[in-house]
Amino acid sequence: MTVTMTQTKSPLPEASPPGGIAHLSVINYKKLANNDPEESAKLFSACLEWGFFYLDLAFDETEAYRASVDRLKDFSIDYFSRPLEEKIRDTNDAWETFNICG
């Protein structure tokens, strides 16, 4: 399947044509951070109708954010490669939000 990212005037991407090309909604993080109502509506529609979108972080102000995502990815790989017995010790029923078992 080939994935292309296109920005359209419509808040929703078009249905995939036969041939496997997916048209993703491209959401601009900078516009969201500046409370742009059109970008917010586009995000809401993409989540409601499709359940996914492409988040455009291609500008300088997101460098620190992108670096923290890379650190989180490295942490996740390290943590989830540990033995199950070690991860179970981190489970606490009172912290349902952070429960990693299931």
C-alpha atoms as a PDB file:
ATOM      1  CA  MET A   1       0.000   0.000   0.000  1.00  0.00           C
ATOM      2  CA  THR A   2       1.332   3.408  -0.925  1.00  0.00           C
ATOM      3  CA  VAL A   3       0.630   6.267   1.464  1.00  0.00           C
ATOM      4  CA  THR A   4       0.561   9.840   0.216  1.00  0.00           C
ATOM      5  CA  MET A   5       0.108  12.878   2.389  1.00  0.00           C
ATOM      6  CA  THR A   6      -1.996  15.596   0.901  1.00  0.00           C
ATOM      7  CA  GLN A   7      -3.508  18.748   2.281  1.00  0.00           C
ATOM      8  CA  THR A   8      -6.981  19.367   1.006  1.00  0.00           C
ATOM      9  CA  LYS A   9      -9.554  22.056   1.635  1.00  0.00           C
ATOM     10  CA  SER A  10     -11.930  19.383   2.915  1.00  0.00           C
ATOM     11  CA  PRO A  11     -11.515  18.493   6.605  1.00  0.00           C
ATOM     12  CA  LEU A  12     -11.816  14.801   5.702  1.00  0.00           C
ATOM     13  CA  PRO A  13      -9.570  12.804   3.401  1.00  0.00           C
ATOM     14  CA  GLU A  14     -11.162  11.207   0.376  1.00  0.00           C
ATOM     15  CA  ALA A  15     -11.807   7.477   0.439  1.00  0.00           C
ATOM     16  CA  SER A  16      -8.945   5.355  -0.848  1.00  0.00           C
ATOM     17  CA  PRO A  17      -9.346   4.570  -4.520  1.00  0.00           C
ATOM     18  CA  PRO A  18      -8.806   1.033  -5.755  1.00  0.00           C
ATOM     19  CA  GLY A  19      -5.057   0.540  -5.812  1.00  0.00           C
ATOM     20  CA  GLY A  20      -4.277   1.144  -2.169  1.00  0.00           C
ATOM     21  CA  ILE A  21      -3.443   4.848  -1.937  1.00  0.00           C
ATOM     22  CA  ALA A  22      -4.422   6.308   1.431  1.00  0.00           C
ATOM     23  CA  HIS A  23      -5.049  10.040   1.620  1.00  0.00           C
ATOM     24  CA  LEU A  24      -4.283  11.153   5.167  1.00  0.00           C
ATOM     25  CA  SER A  25      -5.451  14.351   6.796  1.00  0.00           C
ATOM     26  CA  VAL A  26      -2.396  16.479   7.504  1.00  0.00           C
ATOM     27  CA  ILE A  27      -2.751  18.377  10.764  1.00  0.00           C
ATOM     28  CA  ASN A  28      -0.410  21.317  11.326  1.00  0.00           C
ATOM     29  CA  TYR A  29       0.750  21.353  14.942  1.00  0.00           C
ATOM     30  CA  LYS A  30       1.793  25.005  14.775  1.00  0.00           C
ATOM     31  CA  LYS A  31      -1.726  26.044  13.769  1.00  0.00           C
ATOM     32  CA  LEU A  32      -3.200  23.932  16.574  1.00  0.00           C
ATOM     33  CA  ALA A  33      -0.833  25.526  19.096  1.00  0.00           C
ATOM     34  CA  ASN A  34      -2.043  28.928  17.894  1.00  0.00           C
ATOM     35  CA  ASN A  35      -5.700  27.899  18.394  1.00  0.00           C
ATOM     36  CA  ASP A  36      -6.564  28.023  14.694  1.00  0.00           C
ATOM     37  CA  PRO A  37     -10.288  27.127  14.540  1.00  0.00           C
ATOM     38  CA  GLU A  38     -10.099  25.607  11.044  1.00  0.00           C
ATOM     39  CA  GLU A  39      -7.190  23.336  12.016  1.00  0.00           C
ATOM     40  CA  SER A  40      -9.009  22.326  15.214  1.00  0.00           C
ATOM     41  CA  ALA A  41     -12.097  21.407  13.188  1.00  0.00           C
ATOM     42  CA  LYS A  42      -9.936  19.452  10.756  1.00  0.00           C
ATOM     43  CA  LEU A  43      -8.366  17.510  13.653  1.00  0.00           C
ATOM     44  CA  PHE A  44     -11.757  16.780  15.206  1.00  0.00           C
ATOM     45  CA  SER A  45     -13.141  15.533  11.895  1.00  0.00           C
ATOM     46  CA  ALA A  46     -10.113  13.334  11.201  1.00  0.00           C
ATOM     47  CA  CYS A  47     -10.380  11.746  14.657  1.00  0.00           C
ATOM     48  CA  LEU A  48     -14.136  11.305  14.468  1.00  0.00           C
ATOM     49  CA  GLU A  49     -14.363   9.929  10.947  1.00  0.00           C
ATOM     50  CA  TRP A  50     -11.030   8.189  10.360  1.00  0.00           C
ATOM     51  CA  GLY A  51      -9.401   7.680  13.760  1.00  0.00           C
ATOM     52  CA  PHE A  52      -5.963   8.770  12.572  1.00  0.00           C
ATOM     53  CA  PHE A  53      -4.071  11.613  10.892  1.00  0.00           C
ATOM     54  CA  TYR A  54      -0.575  12.802  10.040  1.00  0.00           C
ATOM     55  CA  LEU A  55       0.754  15.410  12.485  1.00  0.00           C
ATOM     56  CA  ASP A  56       3.040  17.892  10.734  1.00  0.00           C
ATOM     57  CA  LEU A  57       5.875  18.816  13.103  1.00  0.00           C
ATOM     58  CA  ALA A  58       8.180  20.164  10.384  1.00  0.00           C
ATOM     59  CA  PHE A  59       9.150  23.507  11.884  1.00  0.00           C
ATOM     60  CA  ASP A  60      11.896  24.659  14.251  1.00  0.00           C
ATOM     61  CA  GLU A  61       9.723  25.202  17.325  1.00  0.00           C
ATOM     62  CA  THR A  62       9.070  21.450  17.584  1.00  0.00           C
ATOM     63  CA  GLU A  63      12.735  20.426  17.845  1.00  0.00           C
ATOM     64  CA  ALA A  64      12.574  19.967  21.643  1.00  0.00           C
ATOM     65  CA  TYR A  65       9.282  18.056  21.341  1.00  0.00           C
ATOM     66  CA  ARG A  66      10.704  15.734  18.689  1.00  0.00           C
ATOM     67  CA  ALA A  67      13.780  15.105  20.863  1.00  0.00           C
ATOM     68  CA  SER A  68      11.570  14.166  23.831  1.00  0.00           C
ATOM     69  CA  VAL A  69       9.606  11.746  21.622  1.00  0.00           C
ATOM     70  CA  ASP A  70      12.885  10.090  20.613  1.00  0.00           C
ATOM     71  CA  ARG A  71      13.856   9.730  24.305  1.00  0.00           C
ATOM     72  CA  LEU A  72      10.431   8.279  25.100  1.00  0.00           C
ATOM     73  CA  LYS A  73      10.766   5.772  22.253  1.00  0.00           C
ATOM     74  CA  ASP A  74      14.184   4.664  23.555  1.00  0.00           C
ATOM     75  CA  PHE A  75      12.775   4.347  27.090  1.00  0.00           C
ATOM     76  CA  SER A  76       9.810   2.290  25.833  1.00  0.00           C
ATOM     77  CA  ILE A  77      12.035  -0.109  23.916  1.00  0.00           C
ATOM     78  CA  ASP A  78      14.228  -0.592  26.980  1.00  0.00           C
ATOM     79  CA  TYR A  79      11.328  -0.963  29.414  1.00  0.00           C
ATOM     80  CA  PHE A  80       9.193  -3.372  27.412  1.00  0.00           C
ATOM     81  CA  SER A  81      12.157  -5.609  26.573  1.00  0.00           C
ATOM     82  CA  ARG A  82      12.589  -6.371  30.298  1.00  0.00           C
ATOM     83  CA  PRO A  83      11.325  -9.676  31.748  1.00  0.00           C
ATOM     84  CA  LEU A  84       7.612  -9.855  32.594  1.00  0.00           C
ATOM     85  CA  GLU A  85       8.369 -10.498  36.271  1.00  0.00           C
ATOM     86  CA  GLU A  86      10.165  -7.159  36.493  1.00  0.00           C
ATOM     87  CA  LYS A  87       7.367  -5.251  34.731  1.00  0.00           C
ATOM     88  CA  ILE A  88       4.685  -6.823  36.959  1.00  0.00           C
ATOM     89  CA  ARG A  89       6.361  -5.215  39.989  1.00  0.00           C
ATOM     90  CA  ASP A  90       5.387  -1.851  38.470  1.00  0.00           C
ATOM     91  CA  THR A  91       1.675  -2.713  38.501  1.00  0.00           C
ATOM     92  CA  ASN A  92      -0.542  -0.949  41.010  1.00  0.00           C
ATOM     93  CA  ASP A  93      -4.325  -1.370  40.881  1.00  0.00           C
ATOM     94  CA  ALA A  94      -4.779   2.082  42.434  1.00  0.00           C
ATOM     95  CA  TRP A  95      -3.064   3.574  39.385  1.00  0.00           C
ATOM     96  CA  GLU A  96      -5.318   2.120  36.718  1.00  0.00           C
ATOM     97  CA  THR A  97      -4.150   4.720  34.197  1.00  0.00           C
ATOM     98  CA  PHE A  98      -0.582   3.455  34.478  1.00  0.00           C
ATOM     99  CA  ASN A  99      -1.370  -0.268  34.654  1.00  0.00           C
ATOM    100  CA  ILE A 100       0.842  -1.953  32.046  1.00  0.00           C
ATOM    101  CA  CYS A 101      -0.661  -5.441  32.456  1.00  0.00           C
ATOM    102  CA  GLY A 102      -3.451  -5.703  29.941  1.00  0.00           C
END
